PDB file of N, CA and C in Angstrom:
ATOM      1  N   ALA A   1      18.507   8.600   6.574  1.00  0.00           N
ATOM      2  CA  ALA A   1      18.219   7.869   7.661  1.00  0.00           C
ATOM      3  C   ALA A   1      17.987   8.387   8.922  1.00  0.00           C
ATOM      4  N   ALA A   2      18.327   9.748   9.040  1.00  0.00           N
ATOM      5  CA  ALA A   2      18.311  10.477  10.311  1.00  0.00           C
ATOM      6  C   ALA A   2      16.858  11.162  10.459  1.00  0.00           C
ATOM      7  N   LEU A   3      16.055  10.798   9.347  1.00  0.00           N
ATOM      8  CA  LEU A   3      14.681  11.524   9.613  1.00  0.00           C
ATOM      9  C   LEU A   3      13.776  10.407  10.389  1.00  0.00           C
ATOM     10  N   PRO A   4      12.866  10.581  11.007  1.00  0.00           N
ATOM     11  CA  PRO A   4      11.968   9.809  11.722  1.00  0.00           C
ATOM     12  C   PRO A   4      11.193   8.992  10.843  1.00  0.00           C
ATOM     13  N   GLN A   5      11.071   8.959   9.564  1.00  0.00           N
ATOM     14  CA  GLN A   5       9.967   8.352   8.860  1.00  0.00           C
ATOM     15  C   GLN A   5      10.969   6.929   8.259  1.00  0.00           C
ATOM     16  N   VAL A   6      10.338   5.965   7.891  1.00  0.00           N
ATOM     17  CA  VAL A   6      10.896   4.794   7.380  1.00  0.00           C
ATOM     18  C   VAL A   6      11.127   5.039   6.219  1.00  0.00           C
ATOM     19  N   PRO A   7      12.304   4.686   5.397  1.00  0.00           N
ATOM     20  CA  PRO A   7      12.471   5.049   4.163  1.00  0.00           C
ATOM     21  C   PRO A   7      11.580   3.849   3.152  1.00  0.00           C
ATOM     22  N   PHE A   8      11.419   4.286   1.791  1.00  0.00           N
ATOM     23  CA  PHE A   8      10.659   3.349   1.056  1.00  0.00           C
ATOM     24  C   PHE A   8      11.399   1.958   0.756  1.00  0.00           C
ATOM     25  N   ALA A   9      10.956   1.030   0.825  1.00  0.00           N
ATOM     26  CA  ALA A   9      11.545  -0.044   0.568  1.00  0.00           C
ATOM     27  C   ALA A   9      11.253  -0.928  -0.926  1.00  0.00           C
ATOM     28  N   SER A  10      10.185  -0.374  -1.565  1.00  0.00           N
ATOM     29  CA  SER A  10      10.007  -0.942  -2.571  1.00  0.00           C
ATOM     30  C   SER A  10       9.903   0.096  -3.925  1.00  0.00           C
ATOM     31  N   ALA A  11      10.628  -0.132  -4.954  1.00  0.00           N
ATOM     32  CA  ALA A  11      10.493   0.941  -6.125  1.00  0.00           C
ATOM     33  C   ALA A  11       9.229   1.130  -6.681  1.00  0.00           C
ATOM     34  N   ASP A  12       8.235   0.030  -6.526  1.00  0.00           N
ATOM     35  CA  ASP A  12       6.862  -0.002  -7.061  1.00  0.00           C
ATOM     36  C   ASP A  12       6.225   1.304  -6.558  1.00  0.00           C
ATOM     37  N   THR A  13       6.485   1.602  -5.234  1.00  0.00           N
ATOM     38  CA  THR A  13       5.382   2.614  -4.562  1.00  0.00           C
ATOM     39  C   THR A  13       5.993   4.010  -4.805  1.00  0.00           C
ATOM     40  N   LEU A  14       7.158   4.150  -5.741  1.00  0.00           N
ATOM     41  CA  LEU A  14       7.761   5.372  -6.110  1.00  0.00           C
ATOM     42  C   LEU A  14       7.313   5.908  -7.805  1.00  0.00           C
ATOM     43  N   VAL A  15       6.929   4.725  -8.286  1.00  0.00           N
ATOM     44  CA  VAL A  15       6.355   4.996  -9.720  1.00  0.00           C
ATOM     45  C   VAL A  15       5.452   5.850  -9.934  1.00  0.00           C
ATOM     46  N   GLY A  16       5.788   7.224 -10.864  1.00  0.00           N
ATOM     47  CA  GLY A  16       4.787   8.300 -11.078  1.00  0.00           C
ATOM     48  C   GLY A  16       4.810   9.277  -9.854  1.00  0.00           C
ATOM     49  N   ARG A  17       5.725   9.175  -9.170  1.00  0.00           N
ATOM     50  CA  ARG A  17       5.802  10.206  -8.137  1.00  0.00           C
ATOM     51  C   ARG A  17       6.865  11.218  -8.377  1.00  0.00           C
ATOM     52  N   THR A  18       6.813  12.595  -7.895  1.00  0.00           N
ATOM     53  CA  THR A  18       7.447  13.450  -8.367  1.00  0.00           C
ATOM     54  C   THR A  18       8.357  13.978  -6.730  1.00  0.00           C
ATOM     55  N   LEU A  19       9.550  14.441  -6.809  1.00  0.00           N
ATOM     56  CA  LEU A  19      10.274  14.678  -5.705  1.00  0.00           C
ATOM     57  C   LEU A  19       9.639  16.202  -5.243  1.00  0.00           C
ATOM     58  N   ALA A  20       9.708  16.323  -4.022  1.00  0.00           N
ATOM     59  CA  ALA A  20       9.153  17.679  -3.528  1.00  0.00           C
ATOM     60  C   ALA A  20      10.502  18.548  -3.076  1.00  0.00           C
ATOM     61  N   ARG A  21      11.496  17.668  -2.918  1.00  0.00           N
ATOM     62  CA  ARG A  21      12.624  18.370  -2.719  1.00  0.00           C
ATOM     63  C   ARG A  21      13.984  17.768  -3.194  1.00  0.00           C
ATOM     64  N   ALA A  22      15.177  18.452  -3.331  1.00  0.00           N
ATOM     65  CA  ALA A  22      16.321  17.863  -4.120  1.00  0.00           C
ATOM     66  C   ALA A  22      16.698  16.741  -3.194  1.00  0.00           C
ATOM     67  N   VAL A  23      16.992  15.666  -3.784  1.00  0.00           N
ATOM     68  CA  VAL A  23      17.882  14.555  -2.920  1.00  0.00           C
ATOM     69  C   VAL A  23      18.895  14.006  -3.634  1.00  0.00           C
ATOM     70  N   GLY A  24      20.059  13.961  -2.657  1.00  0.00           N
ATOM     71  CA  GLY A  24      21.378  13.703  -3.262  1.00  0.00           C
ATOM     72  C   GLY A  24      21.453  12.125  -3.729  1.00  0.00           C
ATOM     73  N   ALA A  25      22.357  11.823  -4.311  1.00  0.00           N
ATOM     74  CA  ALA A  25      22.563  10.376  -5.045  1.00  0.00           C
ATOM     75  C   ALA A  25      22.896   9.567  -3.819  1.00  0.00           C
ATOM     76  N   GLY A  26      22.126   8.328  -3.607  1.00  0.00           N
ATOM     77  CA  GLY A  26      22.396   7.451  -2.324  1.00  0.00           C
ATOM     78  C   GLY A  26      21.539   7.770  -1.315  1.00  0.00           C
ATOM     79  N   GLN A  27      21.140   8.686  -1.180  1.00  0.00           N
ATOM     80  CA  GLN A  27      20.151   9.287  -0.188  1.00  0.00           C
ATOM     81  C   GLN A  27      18.751   8.497  -0.236  1.00  0.00           C
ATOM     82  N   ALA A  28      18.532   8.054   0.973  1.00  0.00           N
ATOM     83  CA  ALA A  28      17.002   7.296   1.185  1.00  0.00           C
ATOM     84  C   ALA A  28      15.983   8.077   1.006  1.00  0.00           C
ATOM     85  N   LEU A  29      14.729   7.772   0.345  1.00  0.00           N
ATOM     86  CA  LEU A  29      13.683   8.593   0.138  1.00  0.00           C
ATOM     87  C   LEU A  29      12.679   8.133   0.936  1.00  0.00           C
ATOM     88  N   HIS A  30      12.084   9.382   1.779  1.00  0.00           N
ATOM     89  CA  HIS A  30      10.972   9.120   2.653  1.00  0.00           C
ATOM     90  C   HIS A  30       9.784   9.670   2.117  1.00  0.00           C
ATOM     91  N   GLY A  31       8.535   9.562   2.834  1.00  0.00           N
ATOM     92  CA  GLY A  31       7.157   9.878   2.454  1.00  0.00           C
ATOM     93  C   GLY A  31       7.299  11.418   2.128  1.00  0.00           C
ATOM     94  N   GLY A  32       7.838  12.234   3.319  1.00  0.00           N
ATOM     95  CA  GLY A  32       8.139  13.756   2.989  1.00  0.00           C
ATOM     96  C   GLY A  32       8.709  14.277   1.567  1.00  0.00           C
ATOM     97  N   ASP A  33       9.677  13.359   0.988  1.00  0.00           N
ATOM     98  CA  ASP A  33      10.351  13.823  -0.026  1.00  0.00           C
ATOM     99  C   ASP A  33       9.524  13.659  -1.379  1.00  0.00           C
ATOM    100  N   LEU A  34       8.412  13.287  -1.423  1.00  0.00           N
ATOM    101  CA  LEU A  34       7.605  12.823  -2.524  1.00  0.00           C
ATOM    102  C   LEU A  34       6.306  13.838  -2.601  1.00  0.00           C
ATOM    103  N   LEU A  35       6.027  14.184  -3.784  1.00  0.00           N
ATOM    104  CA  LEU A  35       4.363  14.833  -3.846  1.00  0.00           C
ATOM    105  C   LEU A  35       3.545  13.863  -4.106  1.00  0.00           C
ATOM    106  N   ALA A  36       2.262  13.875  -3.707  1.00  0.00           N
ATOM    107  CA  ALA A  36       1.277  13.078  -3.722  1.00  0.00           C
ATOM    108  C   ALA A  36       1.154  13.018  -5.442  1.00  0.00           C
ATOM    109  N   ARG A  37       0.714  11.791  -5.863  1.00  0.00           N
ATOM    110  CA  ARG A  37       0.429  11.687  -7.441  1.00  0.00           C
ATOM    111  C   ARG A  37      -0.831  12.302  -7.593  1.00  0.00           C
ATOM    112  N   GLN A  38      -1.069  12.814  -8.851  1.00  0.00           N
ATOM    113  CA  GLN A  38      -2.406  13.052  -9.588  1.00  0.00           C
ATOM    114  C   GLN A  38      -2.648  12.116 -10.214  1.00  0.00           C
ATOM    115  N   TRP A  39      -3.729  11.384 -10.242  1.00  0.00           N
ATOM    116  CA  TRP A  39      -4.305  10.243 -11.025  1.00  0.00           C
ATOM    117  C   TRP A  39      -4.971  10.846 -12.235  1.00  0.00           C
ATOM    118  N   PHE A  40      -5.678  11.782 -12.120  1.00  0.00           N
ATOM    119  CA  PHE A  40      -6.508  12.263 -13.207  1.00  0.00           C
ATOM    120  C   PHE A  40      -6.657  13.911 -13.039  1.00  0.00           C
ATOM    121  N   ALA A  41      -7.043  14.740 -14.091  1.00  0.00           N
ATOM    122  CA  ALA A  41      -7.190  16.140 -14.148  1.00  0.00           C
ATOM    123  C   ALA A  41      -8.665  16.271 -14.086  1.00  0.00           C
ATOM    124  N   ALA A  42      -9.234  17.498 -13.868  1.00  0.00           N
ATOM    125  CA  ALA A  42     -10.582  17.811 -13.945  1.00  0.00           C
ATOM    126  C   ALA A  42     -11.078  17.691 -15.613  1.00  0.00           C
ATOM    127  N   GLY A  43     -12.240  17.104 -15.873  1.00  0.00           N
ATOM    128  CA  GLY A  43     -12.582  16.914 -17.229  1.00  0.00           C
ATOM    129  C   GLY A  43     -12.273  15.685 -17.854  1.00  0.00           C
ATOM    130  N   GLU A  44     -11.365  14.877 -17.152  1.00  0.00           N
ATOM    131  CA  GLU A  44     -11.017  13.554 -17.680  1.00  0.00           C
ATOM    132  C   GLU A  44     -12.248  12.584 -17.401  1.00  0.00           C
ATOM    133  N   PRO A  45     -12.322  11.591 -18.255  1.00  0.00           N
ATOM    134  CA  PRO A  45     -13.174  10.517 -18.266  1.00  0.00           C
ATOM    135  C   PRO A  45     -12.735   9.554 -17.072  1.00  0.00           C
ATOM    136  N   VAL A  46     -13.323   8.930 -16.077  1.00  0.00           N
ATOM    137  CA  VAL A  46     -12.920   8.331 -14.886  1.00  0.00           C
ATOM    138  C   VAL A  46     -13.771   7.131 -14.620  1.00  0.00           C
ATOM    139  N   ARG A  47     -13.273   6.106 -14.266  1.00  0.00           N
ATOM    140  CA  ARG A  47     -13.934   4.581 -13.788  1.00  0.00           C
ATOM    141  C   ARG A  47     -14.455   5.030 -12.534  1.00  0.00           C
ATOM    142  N   VAL A  48     -15.467   4.601 -11.903  1.00  0.00           N
ATOM    143  CA  VAL A  48     -16.278   4.839 -10.747  1.00  0.00           C
ATOM    144  C   VAL A  48     -16.430   3.423 -10.128  1.00  0.00           C
ATOM    145  N   LEU A  49     -15.763   3.194  -9.136  1.00  0.00           N
ATOM    146  CA  LEU A  49     -15.914   2.005  -8.432  1.00  0.00           C
ATOM    147  C   LEU A  49     -16.512   2.091  -6.984  1.00  0.00           C
ATOM    148  N   ALA A  50     -17.636   1.298  -6.773  1.00  0.00           N
ATOM    149  CA  ALA A  50     -18.402   1.320  -5.649  1.00  0.00           C
ATOM    150  C   ALA A  50     -18.411  -0.038  -4.939  1.00  0.00           C
ATOM    151  N   SER A  51     -18.355  -0.247  -3.795  1.00  0.00           N
ATOM    152  CA  SER A  51     -18.313  -1.738  -3.354  1.00  0.00           C
ATOM    153  C   SER A  51     -18.998  -1.751  -1.738  1.00  0.00           C
ATOM    154  N   GLY A  52     -19.455  -2.758  -1.370  1.00  0.00           N
ATOM    155  CA  GLY A  52     -20.006  -2.684  -0.037  1.00  0.00           C
ATOM    156  C   GLY A  52     -20.066  -4.459   0.341  1.00  0.00           C
ATOM    157  N   SER A  53     -20.986  -4.598   1.441  1.00  0.00           N
ATOM    158  CA  SER A  53     -20.865  -5.777   1.916  1.00  0.00           C
ATOM    159  C   SER A  53     -21.762  -6.788   0.731  1.00  0.00           C
ATOM    160  N   GLY A  54     -20.947  -7.653   0.108  1.00  0.00           N
ATOM    161  CA  GLY A  54     -21.628  -8.511  -0.955  1.00  0.00           C
ATOM    162  C   GLY A  54     -21.843  -7.923  -2.342  1.00  0.00           C
ATOM    163  N   PHE A  55     -21.465  -6.705  -2.446  1.00  0.00           N
ATOM    164  CA  PHE A  55     -21.504  -6.176  -3.845  1.00  0.00           C
ATOM    165  C   PHE A  55     -20.535  -5.086  -4.391  1.00  0.00           C
ATOM    166  N   ALA A  56     -20.294  -5.067  -5.590  1.00  0.00           N
ATOM    167  CA  ALA A  56     -19.336  -4.358  -6.527  1.00  0.00           C
ATOM    168  C   ALA A  56     -19.965  -3.632  -7.614  1.00  0.00           C
ATOM    169  N   VAL A  57     -19.911  -2.448  -7.818  1.00  0.00           N
ATOM    170  CA  VAL A  57     -20.527  -1.774  -9.003  1.00  0.00           C
ATOM    171  C   VAL A  57     -19.317  -0.795  -9.611  1.00  0.00           C
ATOM    172  N   ALA A  58     -19.463  -0.926 -10.975  1.00  0.00           N
ATOM    173  CA  ALA A  58     -18.356  -0.097 -11.908  1.00  0.00           C
ATOM    174  C   ALA A  58     -19.312   0.761 -12.842  1.00  0.00           C
ATOM    175  N   SER A  59     -18.781   2.135 -13.038  1.00  0.00           N
ATOM    176  CA  SER A  59     -19.486   3.053 -13.924  1.00  0.00           C
ATOM    177  C   SER A  59     -18.590   3.933 -14.697  1.00  0.00           C
ATOM    178  N   GLU A  60     -18.987   4.819 -15.319  1.00  0.00           N
ATOM    179  CA  GLU A  60     -17.957   5.787 -15.986  1.00  0.00           C
ATOM    180  C   GLU A  60     -18.608   7.143 -15.513  1.00  0.00           C
ATOM    181  N   GLY A  61     -17.754   8.104 -15.384  1.00  0.00           N
ATOM    182  CA  GLY A  61     -18.064   9.555 -15.208  1.00  0.00           C
ATOM    183  C   GLY A  61     -17.155  10.334 -15.556  1.00  0.00           C
ATOM    184  N   VAL A  62     -17.098  11.707 -15.193  1.00  0.00           N
ATOM    185  CA  VAL A  62     -16.354  12.826 -15.710  1.00  0.00           C
ATOM    186  C   VAL A  62     -15.513  13.646 -14.561  1.00  0.00           C
ATOM    187  N   ALA A  63     -14.482  13.431 -14.167  1.00  0.00           N
ATOM    188  CA  ALA A  63     -14.153  14.322 -12.895  1.00  0.00           C
ATOM    189  C   ALA A  63     -14.295  15.615 -12.986  1.00  0.00           C
ATOM    190  N   LEU A  64     -14.828  16.289 -11.967  1.00  0.00           N
ATOM    191  CA  LEU A  64     -15.136  17.703 -11.800  1.00  0.00           C
ATOM    192  C   LEU A  64     -13.937  18.323 -11.177  1.00  0.00           C
ATOM    193  N   THR A  65     -13.146  17.676 -10.359  1.00  0.00           N
ATOM    194  CA  THR A  65     -11.754  18.074  -9.722  1.00  0.00           C
ATOM    195  C   THR A  65     -10.509  17.179 -10.008  1.00  0.00           C
ATOM    196  N   PRO A  66      -9.591  17.790  -9.820  1.00  0.00           N
ATOM    197  CA  PRO A  66      -8.330  16.706  -9.977  1.00  0.00           C
ATOM    198  C   PRO A  66      -8.247  15.586  -9.094  1.00  0.00           C
ATOM    199  N   GLY A  67      -8.053  14.334  -9.392  1.00  0.00           N
ATOM    200  CA  GLY A  67      -7.817  13.378  -8.415  1.00  0.00           C
ATOM    201  C   GLY A  67      -6.283  13.008  -7.964  1.00  0.00           C
ATOM    202  N   VAL A  68      -6.214  13.709  -6.757  1.00  0.00           N
ATOM    203  CA  VAL A  68      -4.856  13.684  -6.176  1.00  0.00           C
ATOM    204  C   VAL A  68      -4.833  12.683  -5.043  1.00  0.00           C
ATOM    205  N   GLU A  69      -3.723  11.695  -4.961  1.00  0.00           N
ATOM    206  CA  GLU A  69      -3.666  10.761  -4.227  1.00  0.00           C
ATOM    207  C   GLU A  69      -4.004  11.051  -2.644  1.00  0.00           C
ATOM    208  N   GLY A  70      -4.937  10.666  -1.916  1.00  0.00           N
ATOM    209  CA  GLY A  70      -5.364  10.809  -0.549  1.00  0.00           C
ATOM    210  C   GLY A  70      -6.151  11.837  -0.290  1.00  0.00           C
ATOM    211  N   GLN A  71      -6.642  12.517  -1.506  1.00  0.00           N
ATOM    212  CA  GLN A  71      -7.661  13.739  -1.307  1.00  0.00           C
ATOM    213  C   GLN A  71      -9.187  13.249  -1.934  1.00  0.00           C
ATOM    214  N   PRO A  72     -10.094  13.754  -1.398  1.00  0.00           N
ATOM    215  CA  PRO A  72     -11.274  13.468  -2.075  1.00  0.00           C
ATOM    216  C   PRO A  72     -11.542  14.339  -3.515  1.00  0.00           C
ATOM    217  N   ALA A  73     -12.244  13.453  -4.140  1.00  0.00           N
ATOM    218  CA  ALA A  73     -12.411  14.159  -5.753  1.00  0.00           C
ATOM    219  C   ALA A  73     -13.973  13.939  -5.965  1.00  0.00           C
ATOM    220  N   ARG A  74     -14.343  14.808  -6.755  1.00  0.00           N
ATOM    221  CA  ARG A  74     -15.701  14.779  -7.287  1.00  0.00           C
ATOM    222  C   ARG A  74     -15.906  14.565  -9.104  1.00  0.00           C
ATOM    223  N   VAL A  75     -16.856  13.663  -8.989  1.00  0.00           N
ATOM    224  CA  VAL A  75     -17.331  12.973 -10.453  1.00  0.00           C
ATOM    225  C   VAL A  75     -18.509  13.036 -10.818  1.00  0.00           C
ATOM    226  N   ARG A  76     -18.996  13.470 -11.789  1.00  0.00           N
ATOM    227  CA  ARG A  76     -20.173  13.817 -12.373  1.00  0.00           C
ATOM    228  C   ARG A  76     -20.635  12.339 -13.260  1.00  0.00           C
ATOM    229  N   VAL A  77     -21.688  11.766 -12.723  1.00  0.00           N
ATOM    230  CA  VAL A  77     -22.024  10.377 -13.261  1.00  0.00           C
ATOM    231  C   VAL A  77     -23.492  10.783 -14.061  1.00  0.00           C
ATOM    232  N   ALA A  78     -24.008   9.682 -14.783  1.00  0.00           N
ATOM    233  CA  ALA A  78     -25.247   9.446 -15.419  1.00  0.00           C
ATOM    234  C   ALA A  78     -26.231  10.284 -14.704  1.00  0.00           C
ATOM    235  N   GLY A  79     -27.016  10.818 -15.106  1.00  0.00           N
ATOM    236  CA  GLY A  79     -28.121  11.595 -14.426  1.00  0.00           C
ATOM    237  C   GLY A  79     -27.837  12.822 -13.943  1.00  0.00           C
ATOM    238  N   ASP A  80     -26.570  13.265 -13.984  1.00  0.00           N
ATOM    239  CA  ASP A  80     -25.878  14.581 -13.644  1.00  0.00           C
ATOM    240  C   ASP A  80     -25.741  14.476 -12.244  1.00  0.00           C
ATOM    241  N   ARG A  81     -25.585  13.180 -11.545  1.00  0.00           N
ATOM    242  CA  ARG A  81     -25.423  13.056 -10.044  1.00  0.00           C
ATOM    243  C   ARG A  81     -23.909  13.139  -9.888  1.00  0.00           C
ATOM    244  N   ILE A  82     -23.787  13.911  -8.650  1.00  0.00           N
ATOM    245  CA  ILE A  82     -22.188  13.980  -8.394  1.00  0.00           C
ATOM    246  C   ILE A  82     -21.945  13.232  -7.096  1.00  0.00           C
ATOM    247  N   LEU A  83     -20.610  12.465  -7.408  1.00  0.00           N
ATOM    248  CA  LEU A  83     -20.316  11.416  -6.359  1.00  0.00           C
ATOM    249  C   LEU A  83     -18.657  12.154  -5.876  1.00  0.00           C
ATOM    250  N   VAL A  84     -18.837  11.923  -4.577  1.00  0.00           N
ATOM    251  CA  VAL A  84     -17.141  12.142  -4.032  1.00  0.00           C
ATOM    252  C   VAL A  84     -16.549  10.958  -3.537  1.00  0.00           C
ATOM    253  N   GLY A  85     -15.516  10.598  -3.922  1.00  0.00           N
ATOM    254  CA  GLY A  85     -14.833   9.392  -3.542  1.00  0.00           C
ATOM    255  C   GLY A  85     -13.471   9.918  -3.538  1.00  0.00           C
ATOM    256  N   ARG A  86     -12.748   8.870  -3.570  1.00  0.00           N
ATOM    257  CA  ARG A  86     -11.054   9.038  -3.412  1.00  0.00           C
ATOM    258  C   ARG A  86     -10.083   8.271  -4.710  1.00  0.00           C
ATOM    259  N   ALA A  87      -9.193   9.252  -5.199  1.00  0.00           N
ATOM    260  CA  ALA A  87      -8.567   8.524  -6.373  1.00  0.00           C
ATOM    261  C   ALA A  87      -7.628   7.576  -5.892  1.00  0.00           C
ATOM    262  N   THR A  88      -7.924   6.312  -6.778  1.00  0.00           N
ATOM    263  CA  THR A  88      -7.014   5.267  -6.203  1.00  0.00           C
ATOM    264  C   THR A  88      -5.965   4.758  -7.390  1.00  0.00           C
ATOM    265  N   ALA A  89      -6.184   5.287  -8.536  1.00  0.00           N
ATOM    266  CA  ALA A  89      -5.234   4.602  -9.772  1.00  0.00           C
ATOM    267  C   ALA A  89      -5.443   5.722 -10.813  1.00  0.00           C
ATOM    268  N   GLU A  90      -4.891   5.272 -12.085  1.00  0.00           N
ATOM    269  CA  GLU A  90      -4.840   6.114 -13.142  1.00  0.00           C
ATOM    270  C   GLU A  90      -6.363   6.213 -13.643  1.00  0.00           C
ATOM    271  N   ARG A  91      -6.985   7.329 -13.549  1.00  0.00           N
ATOM    272  CA  ARG A  91      -8.335   7.678 -14.094  1.00  0.00           C
ATOM    273  C   ARG A  91      -9.205   6.697 -13.238  1.00  0.00           C
ATOM    274  N   GLN A  92      -9.150   6.460 -11.825  1.00  0.00           N
ATOM    275  CA  GLN A  92     -10.150   5.604 -11.199  1.00  0.00           C
ATOM    276  C   GLN A  92     -10.500   6.299  -9.726  1.00  0.00           C
ATOM    277  N   ILE A  93     -11.476   6.063  -9.367  1.00  0.00           N
ATOM    278  CA  ILE A  93     -12.104   6.600  -8.240  1.00  0.00           C
ATOM    279  C   ILE A  93     -12.971   5.593  -7.522  1.00  0.00           C
ATOM    280  N   GLU A  94     -12.789   5.576  -6.027  1.00  0.00           N
ATOM    281  CA  GLU A  94     -13.558   4.528  -5.054  1.00  0.00           C
ATOM    282  C   GLU A  94     -14.601   5.598  -4.266  1.00  0.00           C
ATOM    283  N   VAL A  95     -15.932   5.109  -4.451  1.00  0.00           N
ATOM    284  CA  VAL A  95     -16.712   5.726  -3.737  1.00  0.00           C
ATOM    285  C   VAL A  95     -17.260   4.821  -2.483  1.00  0.00           C
ATOM    286  N   GLY A  96     -17.936   5.157  -1.352  1.00  0.00           N
ATOM    287  CA  GLY A  96     -18.452   4.213  -0.592  1.00  0.00           C
ATOM    288  C   GLY A  96     -17.789   4.264   0.769  1.00  0.00           C
ATOM    289  N   PRO A  97     -17.952   3.249   1.576  1.00  0.00           N
ATOM    290  CA  PRO A  97     -17.623   3.163   2.901  1.00  0.00           C
ATOM    291  C   PRO A  97     -16.102   3.427   3.083  1.00  0.00           C
TER     292      PRO A  97
END
């Protein structure tokens, strides 16, 4: 509570995350206490989602880089095209605006 960050209120936001430092029993968890989730590794198949004004498209691809929460990731899709997007869920990347 002494940290300037607001503690997590929902356990759902903590699922699948790893502690970045030791935390004592009963101590509130803050954003800096957790490492970013890795949604997929390089070489894994991923679902590619693209959307815009009035459309949404889904495809499959292969990750070229790890999909770390909040970081850009590269994916190879059909025709050897390479897309850059953001990892949003388990084996899923979103590209577009």
